[in-house]
Amino acid sequence: MDRDMLILNISRFAAAKDESPSGACLAAGVGKNFVSELKRGKTPSVAAVADLAAHLGVSVSDLIGDARQPEEAPELLACWAELNEEGREALLHVAQGFVYSGIYKNDDPAAVDQKEA
């Protein structure tokens, strides 16, 4: 398990619920210092990760970052987590414009297969 990815995902999913990471951890019953402990190298219990995932409304796989993602995704997700609702809508609009224009669309069949995996 990649602790950095877990920490990033806690921040991202908590932000989506308008919660701070420590607030989400406290509400999930894993303790408000859960993220700090991860940063110090503590390995979380499966039960704690499951409880936090349930509170955040995501799967354990989503929370620990088990899904295959491009290498750029953590940086993009970190930026997304920092944006407010208006910023997220603006960024989504720009990204959709890129996709719909066809200019920047990924035509690599291997990339399409990886997204479906």
N, C-alpha and C. Protein backbone atom coordinates (compact mmCIF):
# COMPACT_ATOMS: atom_id res chain seq x y z
N MET A 1 0.84 -1.18 0.00
CA MET A 1 0.00 0.00 0.00
C MET A 1 0.89 1.24 0.00
N ASP A 2 0.53 2.19 -0.84
CA ASP A 2 1.27 3.44 -0.95
C ASP A 2 0.67 4.44 0.04
N ARG A 3 1.40 4.72 1.11
CA ARG A 3 0.88 5.65 2.15
C ARG A 3 0.59 7.04 1.58
N ASP A 4 1.48 7.52 0.68
CA ASP A 4 1.27 8.85 0.11
C ASP A 4 -0.04 8.91 -0.68
N MET A 5 -0.33 7.83 -1.41
CA MET A 5 -1.59 7.79 -2.17
C MET A 5 -2.78 7.75 -1.22
N LEU A 6 -2.66 6.98 -0.15
CA LEU A 6 -3.73 6.92 0.84
C LEU A 6 -3.98 8.29 1.45
N ILE A 7 -2.92 8.98 1.83
CA ILE A 7 -3.05 10.32 2.41
C ILE A 7 -3.70 11.28 1.41
N LEU A 8 -3.24 11.23 0.17
CA LEU A 8 -3.81 12.08 -0.87
C LEU A 8 -5.30 11.79 -1.06
N ASN A 9 -5.65 10.51 -1.11
CA ASN A 9 -7.05 10.14 -1.32
C ASN A 9 -7.93 10.51 -0.13
N ILE A 10 -7.39 10.41 1.08
CA ILE A 10 -8.17 10.86 2.24
C ILE A 10 -8.50 12.34 2.09
N SER A 11 -7.51 13.12 1.71
CA SER A 11 -7.73 14.56 1.51
C SER A 11 -8.74 14.82 0.41
N ARG A 12 -8.58 14.10 -0.69
CA ARG A 12 -9.46 14.30 -1.85
C ARG A 12 -10.91 13.94 -1.53
N PHE A 13 -11.12 12.77 -0.94
CA PHE A 13 -12.48 12.33 -0.67
C PHE A 13 -13.11 13.13 0.48
N ALA A 14 -12.31 13.53 1.44
CA ALA A 14 -12.83 14.38 2.52
C ALA A 14 -13.26 15.74 1.95
N ALA A 15 -12.43 16.30 1.08
CA ALA A 15 -12.77 17.59 0.47
C ALA A 15 -14.07 17.50 -0.33
N ALA A 16 -14.28 16.37 -0.98
CA ALA A 16 -15.52 16.17 -1.75
C ALA A 16 -16.75 16.19 -0.84
N LYS A 17 -16.55 15.87 0.44
CA LYS A 17 -17.64 15.90 1.42
C LYS A 17 -17.61 17.18 2.26
N ASP A 18 -16.79 18.14 1.84
CA ASP A 18 -16.61 19.39 2.58
C ASP A 18 -16.17 19.15 4.02
N GLU A 19 -15.25 18.20 4.17
CA GLU A 19 -14.68 17.89 5.48
C GLU A 19 -13.17 18.03 5.40
N SER A 20 -12.56 18.30 6.52
CA SER A 20 -11.11 18.26 6.59
C SER A 20 -10.71 16.79 6.73
N PRO A 21 -9.48 16.45 6.35
CA PRO A 21 -9.04 15.07 6.53
C PRO A 21 -9.13 14.62 7.99
N SER A 22 -8.72 15.47 8.93
CA SER A 22 -8.78 15.07 10.34
C SER A 22 -10.22 14.95 10.81
N GLY A 23 -11.10 15.81 10.32
CA GLY A 23 -12.51 15.73 10.67
C GLY A 23 -13.15 14.45 10.15
N ALA A 24 -12.80 14.07 8.94
CA ALA A 24 -13.33 12.83 8.37
C ALA A 24 -12.83 11.62 9.16
N CYS A 25 -11.56 11.65 9.53
CA CYS A 25 -10.98 10.54 10.31
C CYS A 25 -11.65 10.44 11.68
N LEU A 26 -11.87 11.58 12.29
CA LEU A 26 -12.53 11.60 13.60
C LEU A 26 -13.96 11.06 13.49
N ALA A 27 -14.69 11.53 12.46
CA ALA A 27 -16.06 11.07 12.26
C ALA A 27 -16.14 9.58 11.94
N ALA A 28 -15.11 9.06 11.28
CA ALA A 28 -15.08 7.63 10.94
C ALA A 28 -14.68 6.76 12.13
N GLY A 29 -14.21 7.41 13.20
CA GLY A 29 -13.83 6.66 14.39
C GLY A 29 -12.41 6.12 14.38
N VAL A 30 -11.58 6.64 13.46
CA VAL A 30 -10.20 6.15 13.39
C VAL A 30 -9.22 7.11 14.08
N GLY A 31 -9.74 8.21 14.57
CA GLY A 31 -8.92 9.17 15.30
C GLY A 31 -8.49 10.34 14.44
N LYS A 32 -8.51 11.53 15.02
CA LYS A 32 -8.19 12.72 14.23
C LYS A 32 -6.72 12.78 13.83
N ASN A 33 -5.85 11.99 14.48
CA ASN A 33 -4.42 11.98 14.15
C ASN A 33 -4.05 10.88 13.15
N PHE A 34 -5.04 10.25 12.56
CA PHE A 34 -4.81 9.14 11.64
C PHE A 34 -3.85 9.51 10.52
N VAL A 35 -4.08 10.67 9.87
CA VAL A 35 -3.23 11.09 8.76
C VAL A 35 -1.82 11.41 9.25
N SER A 36 -1.71 12.06 10.40
CA SER A 36 -0.39 12.36 10.97
C SER A 36 0.39 11.08 11.24
N GLU A 37 -0.30 10.08 11.75
CA GLU A 37 0.34 8.80 12.03
C GLU A 37 0.81 8.13 10.74
N LEU A 38 0.00 8.24 9.69
CA LEU A 38 0.41 7.69 8.39
C LEU A 38 1.68 8.38 7.90
N LYS A 39 1.71 9.70 8.05
CA LYS A 39 2.88 10.47 7.61
C LYS A 39 4.14 10.07 8.38
N ARG A 40 3.97 9.64 9.62
CA ARG A 40 5.11 9.20 10.44
C ARG A 40 5.48 7.74 10.17
N GLY A 41 4.76 7.09 9.25
CA GLY A 41 5.13 5.72 8.87
C GLY A 41 4.30 4.62 9.47
N LYS A 42 3.29 4.95 10.27
CA LYS A 42 2.46 3.90 10.87
C LYS A 42 1.63 3.22 9.78
N THR A 43 1.55 1.91 9.87
CA THR A 43 0.72 1.13 8.95
C THR A 43 -0.67 1.03 9.55
N PRO A 44 -1.69 1.45 8.79
CA PRO A 44 -3.05 1.42 9.33
C PRO A 44 -3.62 0.00 9.34
N SER A 45 -4.56 -0.22 10.22
CA SER A 45 -5.24 -1.52 10.23
C SER A 45 -6.24 -1.57 9.08
N VAL A 46 -6.54 -2.78 8.66
CA VAL A 46 -7.54 -2.97 7.60
C VAL A 46 -8.89 -2.42 8.07
N ALA A 47 -9.21 -2.64 9.33
CA ALA A 47 -10.49 -2.17 9.87
C ALA A 47 -10.58 -0.64 9.83
N ALA A 48 -9.49 0.04 10.17
CA ALA A 48 -9.49 1.51 10.16
C ALA A 48 -9.69 2.04 8.74
N VAL A 49 -8.99 1.43 7.79
CA VAL A 49 -9.13 1.86 6.39
C VAL A 49 -10.56 1.60 5.91
N ALA A 50 -11.12 0.46 6.28
CA ALA A 50 -12.49 0.12 5.89
C ALA A 50 -13.49 1.09 6.51
N ASP A 51 -13.31 1.43 7.78
CA ASP A 51 -14.21 2.37 8.45
C ASP A 51 -14.14 3.75 7.80
N LEU A 52 -12.93 4.19 7.48
CA LEU A 52 -12.77 5.50 6.85
C LEU A 52 -13.37 5.50 5.45
N ALA A 53 -13.15 4.43 4.70
CA ALA A 53 -13.74 4.33 3.36
C ALA A 53 -15.27 4.38 3.44
N ALA A 54 -15.83 3.67 4.39
CA ALA A 54 -17.29 3.67 4.56
C ALA A 54 -17.80 5.07 4.88
N HIS A 55 -17.11 5.77 5.79
CA HIS A 55 -17.52 7.13 6.12
C HIS A 55 -17.45 8.05 4.91
N LEU A 56 -16.41 7.89 4.11
CA LEU A 56 -16.23 8.76 2.94
C LEU A 56 -17.10 8.34 1.76
N GLY A 57 -17.72 7.17 1.87
CA GLY A 57 -18.62 6.71 0.81
C GLY A 57 -17.89 6.19 -0.43
N VAL A 58 -16.70 5.61 -0.21
CA VAL A 58 -15.92 5.06 -1.31
C VAL A 58 -15.50 3.64 -0.96
N SER A 59 -15.00 2.93 -1.94
CA SER A 59 -14.50 1.58 -1.67
C SER A 59 -13.11 1.66 -1.05
N VAL A 60 -12.72 0.59 -0.40
CA VAL A 60 -11.37 0.51 0.15
C VAL A 60 -10.35 0.65 -0.98
N SER A 61 -10.63 0.00 -2.12
CA SER A 61 -9.72 0.10 -3.27
C SER A 61 -9.56 1.54 -3.72
N ASP A 62 -10.66 2.29 -3.77
CA ASP A 62 -10.57 3.69 -4.15
C ASP A 62 -9.75 4.47 -3.13
N LEU A 63 -9.97 4.19 -1.86
CA LEU A 63 -9.28 4.94 -0.82
C LEU A 63 -7.77 4.68 -0.82
N ILE A 64 -7.38 3.43 -0.99
CA ILE A 64 -5.95 3.15 -0.95
C ILE A 64 -5.28 3.37 -2.30
N GLY A 65 -6.08 3.70 -3.32
CA GLY A 65 -5.50 3.98 -4.62
C GLY A 65 -5.12 2.74 -5.37
N ASP A 66 -5.87 1.66 -5.14
CA ASP A 66 -5.58 0.39 -5.77
C ASP A 66 -5.93 0.39 -7.25
N ALA A 67 -6.86 1.24 -7.65
CA ALA A 67 -7.26 1.31 -9.06
C ALA A 67 -6.08 1.81 -9.89
N ARG A 68 -5.95 1.30 -11.08
CA ARG A 68 -4.88 1.74 -11.97
C ARG A 68 -5.16 3.17 -12.40
N GLN A 69 -4.15 4.01 -12.24
CA GLN A 69 -4.27 5.41 -12.61
C GLN A 69 -3.00 5.84 -13.31
N PRO A 70 -3.11 6.80 -14.23
CA PRO A 70 -1.90 7.32 -14.84
C PRO A 70 -1.00 7.94 -13.77
N GLU A 71 0.30 7.99 -14.06
CA GLU A 71 1.23 8.56 -13.09
C GLU A 71 0.91 10.00 -12.75
N GLU A 72 0.26 10.72 -13.66
CA GLU A 72 -0.06 12.12 -13.43
C GLU A 72 -1.23 12.30 -12.47
N ALA A 73 -2.01 11.25 -12.25
CA ALA A 73 -3.24 11.38 -11.48
C ALA A 73 -3.04 11.92 -10.06
N PRO A 74 -2.06 11.48 -9.29
CA PRO A 74 -1.92 12.03 -7.94
C PRO A 74 -1.75 13.55 -7.92
N GLU A 75 -0.97 14.08 -8.85
CA GLU A 75 -0.79 15.53 -8.90
C GLU A 75 -2.10 16.22 -9.29
N LEU A 76 -2.80 15.65 -10.26
CA LEU A 76 -4.08 16.23 -10.67
C LEU A 76 -5.11 16.15 -9.55
N LEU A 77 -5.13 15.02 -8.85
CA LEU A 77 -6.08 14.85 -7.75
C LEU A 77 -5.78 15.81 -6.61
N ALA A 78 -4.51 16.05 -6.36
CA ALA A 78 -4.14 17.00 -5.31
C ALA A 78 -4.62 18.40 -5.67
N CYS A 79 -4.46 18.78 -6.92
CA CYS A 79 -4.95 20.08 -7.37
C CYS A 79 -6.47 20.15 -7.24
N TRP A 80 -7.14 19.08 -7.67
CA TRP A 80 -8.60 19.03 -7.59
C TRP A 80 -9.08 19.22 -6.15
N ALA A 81 -8.40 18.57 -5.21
CA ALA A 81 -8.79 18.64 -3.81
C ALA A 81 -8.67 20.06 -3.26
N GLU A 82 -7.79 20.86 -3.83
CA GLU A 82 -7.58 22.22 -3.36
C GLU A 82 -8.60 23.22 -3.91
N LEU A 83 -9.32 22.82 -4.94
CA LEU A 83 -10.27 23.74 -5.59
C LEU A 83 -11.61 23.77 -4.88
N ASN A 84 -12.25 24.95 -4.91
CA ASN A 84 -13.62 25.04 -4.41
C ASN A 84 -14.57 24.59 -5.52
N GLU A 85 -15.85 24.59 -5.24
CA GLU A 85 -16.86 24.11 -6.21
C GLU A 85 -16.76 24.85 -7.54
N GLU A 86 -16.63 26.15 -7.49
CA GLU A 86 -16.55 26.96 -8.72
C GLU A 86 -15.29 26.60 -9.52
N GLY A 87 -14.17 26.44 -8.82
CA GLY A 87 -12.93 26.06 -9.50
C GLY A 87 -13.02 24.69 -10.13
N ARG A 88 -13.67 23.76 -9.43
CA ARG A 88 -13.83 22.41 -9.99
C ARG A 88 -14.69 22.42 -11.24
N GLU A 89 -15.77 23.20 -11.21
CA GLU A 89 -16.63 23.30 -12.39
C GLU A 89 -15.87 23.90 -13.56
N ALA A 90 -15.06 24.93 -13.30
CA ALA A 90 -14.29 25.57 -14.35
C ALA A 90 -13.26 24.60 -14.94
N LEU A 91 -12.57 23.86 -14.07
CA LEU A 91 -11.57 22.91 -14.55
C LEU A 91 -12.22 21.79 -15.35
N LEU A 92 -13.35 21.29 -14.89
CA LEU A 92 -14.07 20.25 -15.61
C LEU A 92 -14.49 20.75 -16.99
N HIS A 93 -14.96 21.98 -17.06
CA HIS A 93 -15.38 22.58 -18.33
C HIS A 93 -14.20 22.64 -19.31
N VAL A 94 -13.04 23.05 -18.82
CA VAL A 94 -11.84 23.13 -19.66
C VAL A 94 -11.45 21.72 -20.14
N ALA A 95 -11.44 20.75 -19.21
CA ALA A 95 -11.07 19.38 -19.58
C ALA A 95 -12.03 18.80 -20.61
N GLN A 96 -13.33 19.05 -20.43
CA GLN A 96 -14.32 18.56 -21.39
C GLN A 96 -14.10 19.21 -22.76
N GLY A 97 -13.73 20.48 -22.75
CA GLY A 97 -13.43 21.16 -24.01
C GLY A 97 -12.27 20.50 -24.74
N PHE A 98 -11.24 20.11 -23.98
CA PHE A 98 -10.11 19.41 -24.59
C PHE A 98 -10.56 18.09 -25.20
N VAL A 99 -11.36 17.34 -24.47
CA VAL A 99 -11.81 16.03 -24.96
C VAL A 99 -12.71 16.20 -26.18
N TYR A 100 -13.68 17.09 -26.08
CA TYR A 100 -14.64 17.26 -27.17
C TYR A 100 -14.01 17.82 -28.43
N SER A 101 -12.93 18.60 -28.29
CA SER A 101 -12.28 19.17 -29.48
C SER A 101 -11.63 18.08 -30.31
N GLY A 102 -11.25 16.98 -29.67
CA GLY A 102 -10.59 15.88 -30.36
C GLY A 102 -9.11 16.11 -30.56
N ILE A 103 -8.65 17.32 -30.37
CA ILE A 103 -7.24 17.65 -30.59
C ILE A 103 -6.35 16.92 -29.59
N TYR A 104 -6.78 16.86 -28.33
CA TYR A 104 -5.96 16.29 -27.27
C TYR A 104 -6.40 14.89 -26.86
N LYS A 105 -7.35 14.32 -27.57
CA LYS A 105 -7.89 13.02 -27.20
C LYS A 105 -6.87 11.92 -27.41
N ASN A 106 -6.79 11.00 -26.44
CA ASN A 106 -5.85 9.89 -26.50
C ASN A 106 -6.44 8.81 -27.39
N ASP A 107 -5.78 8.55 -28.51
CA ASP A 107 -6.25 7.53 -29.44
C ASP A 107 -5.48 6.22 -29.32
N ASP A 108 -4.69 6.09 -28.26
CA ASP A 108 -3.90 4.88 -28.04
C ASP A 108 -4.80 3.78 -27.49
N PRO A 109 -5.02 2.69 -28.24
CA PRO A 109 -5.89 1.61 -27.76
C PRO A 109 -5.45 1.02 -26.42
N ALA A 110 -4.15 0.98 -26.16
CA ALA A 110 -3.66 0.44 -24.90
C ALA A 110 -4.12 1.31 -23.72
N ALA A 111 -4.17 2.62 -23.91
CA ALA A 111 -4.63 3.52 -22.85
C ALA A 111 -6.11 3.32 -22.59
N VAL A 112 -6.89 3.08 -23.63
CA VAL A 112 -8.32 2.83 -23.47
C VAL A 112 -8.52 1.53 -22.71
N ASP A 113 -7.76 0.47 -23.07
CA ASP A 113 -7.86 -0.81 -22.37
C ASP A 113 -7.51 -0.67 -20.90
N GLN A 114 -6.50 0.15 -20.57
CA GLN A 114 -6.08 0.31 -19.18
C GLN A 114 -7.16 1.01 -18.38
N LYS A 115 -7.87 1.99 -18.98
CA LYS A 115 -8.93 2.68 -18.26
C LYS A 115 -10.08 1.74 -17.93
N GLU A 116 -10.32 0.75 -18.79
CA GLU A 116 -11.43 -0.18 -18.59
C GLU A 116 -11.07 -1.28 -17.61
N ALA A 117 -9.78 -1.49 -17.36
CA ALA A 117 -9.34 -2.58 -16.48
C ALA A 117 -9.67 -2.31 -15.04
